Amino acid sequence: MESNFKDRKRSPELNIPTQRTNADLEQGLADIIMRCKRKPTVMPDSAFEAANWFMRLIEPQRHYEKQVDRKTKDGKTYYIWGYADRVKSTLLIFLDIEKKLQELIVAAKQDGIYWRGDDFDFFIKVIDEHEKMKTMGSEKYRKAAIAEMKSSMMRMVSS
C-alpha cells in the first residue's frame, strides 16, 4: 500500500530538552496532518482543528504518561512524554487506515470505547467484549474473564 504522506521526513522529536505543552503537541500533530496526502473525511478540514479533534478522540492522558525528565551521561536534561508518543503513533496509524475503520473508531468513541491503534478485526473484538461487559456488569464480567483465563492456562499446561 502506498504511503499516505507527501514525504517521509521525520517529524520533530517529542522527547526534547524542554517540557512540552498540549499546544506544542497539537502543533506537532497538525504538522503531521498537513503532510498527509489524503486527510480522512471524518476529520475537520483545518489541520489544527483536526489535531485537537484527534486528541479528544483517543483515550485521555493517564497518570503514568506524564512528562518525566531524564539526564544524559553529560548531565543534560531531556523530557520523555509517553502520552505524546502514544498520540503521535496512533495518529500516524489513523491517517493510513481504511475509512471503514476510521468511521468505526469515531462511532465507538461515542459509546465510550477508545481505539488504541488496533486493526479492524481486533477492534471489533474490543467492542464485542465491551458490550458483553455492559450486559453482564463489570464484576461478573471480570470474574468470568479470570475463570476463562485460568481454564485456558490449564489447557496449555496439560497439552
Protein backbone atom coordinates (compact mmCIF):
# COMPACT_ATOMS: atom_id res chain seq x y z
CA MET A 1 0.00 0.00 0.00
CA GLU A 2 1.30 3.45 -0.94
CA SER A 3 2.18 5.79 1.91
CA ASN A 4 -0.34 8.48 2.75
CA PHE A 5 2.38 11.08 3.32
CA LYS A 6 3.84 13.63 0.94
CA ASP A 7 7.32 12.97 2.27
CA ARG A 8 8.91 10.62 4.74
CA LYS A 9 10.61 13.50 6.51
CA ARG A 10 10.81 12.75 10.19
CA SER A 11 8.51 14.88 12.30
CA PRO A 12 10.00 16.96 15.12
CA GLU A 13 11.01 14.84 18.08
CA LEU A 14 8.62 14.96 21.02
CA ASN A 15 11.29 13.98 23.56
CA ILE A 16 13.19 17.24 23.72
CA PRO A 17 15.27 19.36 26.11
CA THR A 18 12.32 21.40 27.43
CA GLN A 19 8.93 20.45 28.79
CA ARG A 20 6.13 20.45 26.24
CA THR A 21 2.55 21.61 26.49
CA ASN A 22 -0.62 20.29 24.90
CA ALA A 23 -0.40 23.24 22.49
CA ASP A 24 3.06 22.04 21.40
CA LEU A 25 1.66 18.56 20.90
CA GLU A 26 -1.30 19.85 18.88
CA GLN A 27 1.07 21.83 16.66
CA GLY A 28 3.20 18.71 16.09
CA LEU A 29 0.10 16.70 15.19
CA ALA A 30 -1.13 19.47 12.87
CA ASP A 31 2.26 19.35 11.11
CA ILE A 32 1.84 15.60 10.57
CA ILE A 33 -1.72 16.07 9.28
CA MET A 34 -0.59 18.77 6.84
CA ARG A 35 1.91 16.31 5.32
CA CYS A 36 -0.89 13.79 4.75
CA LYS A 37 -1.97 13.37 1.10
CA ARG A 38 -5.48 12.07 1.84
CA LYS A 39 -6.82 13.52 5.07
CA PRO A 40 -9.64 11.35 6.43
CA THR A 41 -13.12 12.71 5.73
CA VAL A 42 -14.11 12.11 9.37
CA MET A 43 -11.61 14.80 10.46
CA PRO A 44 -12.21 18.56 10.45
CA ASP A 45 -10.74 20.43 7.47
CA SER A 46 -8.25 22.60 9.35
CA ALA A 47 -5.11 20.69 10.35
CA PHE A 48 -5.05 22.36 13.77
CA GLU A 49 -8.74 21.59 14.39
CA ALA A 50 -8.12 18.03 13.20
CA ALA A 51 -5.23 17.67 15.68
CA ASN A 52 -7.41 18.93 18.52
CA TRP A 53 -10.27 16.64 17.39
CA PHE A 54 -7.93 13.64 17.33
CA MET A 55 -6.65 14.35 20.84
CA ARG A 56 -10.27 14.24 22.02
CA LEU A 57 -10.97 11.07 20.01
CA ILE A 58 -8.38 8.92 21.74
CA GLU A 59 -8.03 7.97 25.36
CA PRO A 60 -7.02 10.92 27.58
CA GLN A 61 -3.61 11.14 29.17
CA ARG A 62 -3.17 8.71 32.06
CA HIS A 63 -1.23 9.47 35.23
CA TYR A 64 1.64 7.22 34.15
CA GLU A 65 2.04 9.07 30.83
CA LYS A 66 3.10 12.40 32.31
CA GLN A 67 6.33 14.03 31.26
CA VAL A 68 9.40 12.85 33.11
CA ASP A 69 12.85 14.29 32.98
CA ARG A 70 15.93 12.20 32.31
CA LYS A 71 19.61 13.03 32.46
CA THR A 72 22.16 12.20 29.80
CA LYS A 73 25.64 10.98 30.68
CA ASP A 74 26.93 14.52 30.27
CA GLY A 75 24.31 15.87 32.72
CA LYS A 76 21.90 17.46 30.25
CA THR A 77 18.18 17.10 30.95
CA TYR A 78 15.61 15.99 28.42
CA TYR A 79 11.95 15.06 28.77
CA ILE A 80 10.07 11.91 27.83
CA TRP A 81 6.31 12.22 27.37
CA GLY A 82 4.58 8.89 26.97
CA TYR A 83 1.24 10.48 26.15
CA ALA A 84 2.70 12.50 23.28
CA ASP A 85 4.39 9.38 21.91
CA ARG A 86 1.10 7.43 22.06
CA VAL A 87 -0.91 10.22 20.42
CA LYS A 88 1.63 10.62 17.64
CA SER A 89 1.86 6.90 16.89
CA THR A 90 -1.91 6.37 16.87
CA LEU A 91 -2.39 9.42 14.63
CA LEU A 92 0.08 8.01 12.10
CA ILE A 93 -1.86 4.72 12.10
CA PHE A 94 -5.24 6.51 11.91
CA LEU A 95 -4.17 8.50 8.85
CA ASP A 96 -3.24 5.31 6.98
CA ILE A 97 -6.17 3.01 7.84
CA GLU A 98 -9.27 2.41 5.75
CA LYS A 99 -12.28 4.72 6.01
CA LYS A 100 -14.50 1.93 7.41
CA LEU A 101 -12.25 1.57 10.47
CA GLN A 102 -11.95 5.36 10.91
CA GLU A 103 -15.74 5.64 11.00
CA LEU A 104 -15.99 2.73 13.44
CA ILE A 105 -13.45 4.41 15.76
CA VAL A 106 -15.48 7.62 15.80
CA ALA A 107 -18.73 5.72 16.47
CA ALA A 108 -17.15 3.60 19.22
CA LYS A 109 -15.83 6.71 20.97
CA GLN A 110 -19.43 7.92 21.30
CA ASP A 111 -20.09 4.70 23.26
CA GLY A 112 -17.05 5.30 25.48
CA ILE A 113 -14.80 2.80 23.70
CA TYR A 114 -11.33 4.08 22.90
CA TRP A 115 -9.22 2.90 19.99
CA ARG A 116 -5.56 2.18 20.73
CA GLY A 117 -4.18 1.60 17.26
CA ASP A 118 -5.79 -1.81 16.78
CA ASP A 119 -6.61 -3.33 13.41
CA PHE A 120 -10.23 -3.76 12.33
CA ASP A 121 -10.74 -7.37 13.47
CA PHE A 122 -9.22 -6.81 16.90
CA PHE A 123 -11.15 -3.58 17.44
CA ILE A 124 -14.40 -5.44 16.66
CA LYS A 125 -13.45 -7.90 19.43
CA VAL A 126 -12.80 -4.98 21.80
CA ILE A 127 -16.26 -3.58 21.02
CA ASP A 128 -17.89 -7.00 21.47
CA GLU A 129 -16.19 -7.51 24.84
CA HIS A 130 -17.19 -4.02 25.95
CA GLU A 131 -20.82 -4.78 25.09
CA LYS A 132 -20.61 -8.12 26.91
CA MET A 133 -19.26 -6.34 30.00
CA LYS A 134 -22.07 -3.77 29.88
CA THR A 135 -24.63 -6.59 29.68
CA MET A 136 -23.10 -8.75 32.43
CA GLY A 137 -21.91 -5.98 34.74
CA SER A 138 -18.25 -5.30 35.28
CA GLU A 139 -17.74 -7.50 38.37
CA LYS A 140 -19.46 -10.55 36.88
CA TYR A 141 -17.59 -10.00 33.59
CA ARG A 142 -14.25 -9.73 35.44
CA LYS A 143 -14.86 -12.98 37.32
CA ALA A 144 -15.89 -14.79 34.12
CA ALA A 145 -12.82 -13.49 32.29
CA ILE A 146 -10.48 -14.64 35.08
CA ALA A 147 -12.13 -18.07 35.12
CA GLU A 148 -11.75 -18.36 31.33
CA MET A 149 -8.11 -17.31 31.53
CA LYS A 150 -7.38 -19.90 34.23
CA SER A 151 -9.14 -22.59 32.21
CA SER A 152 -7.14 -21.64 29.13
CA MET A 153 -3.87 -21.75 31.08
CA MET A 154 -4.73 -25.21 32.44
CA ARG A 155 -5.40 -26.47 28.91
CA MET A 156 -2.00 -25.09 27.79
CA VAL A 157 -0.16 -26.74 30.70
CA SER A 158 -1.86 -30.11 30.23
CA SER A 159 -1.16 -30.30 26.49
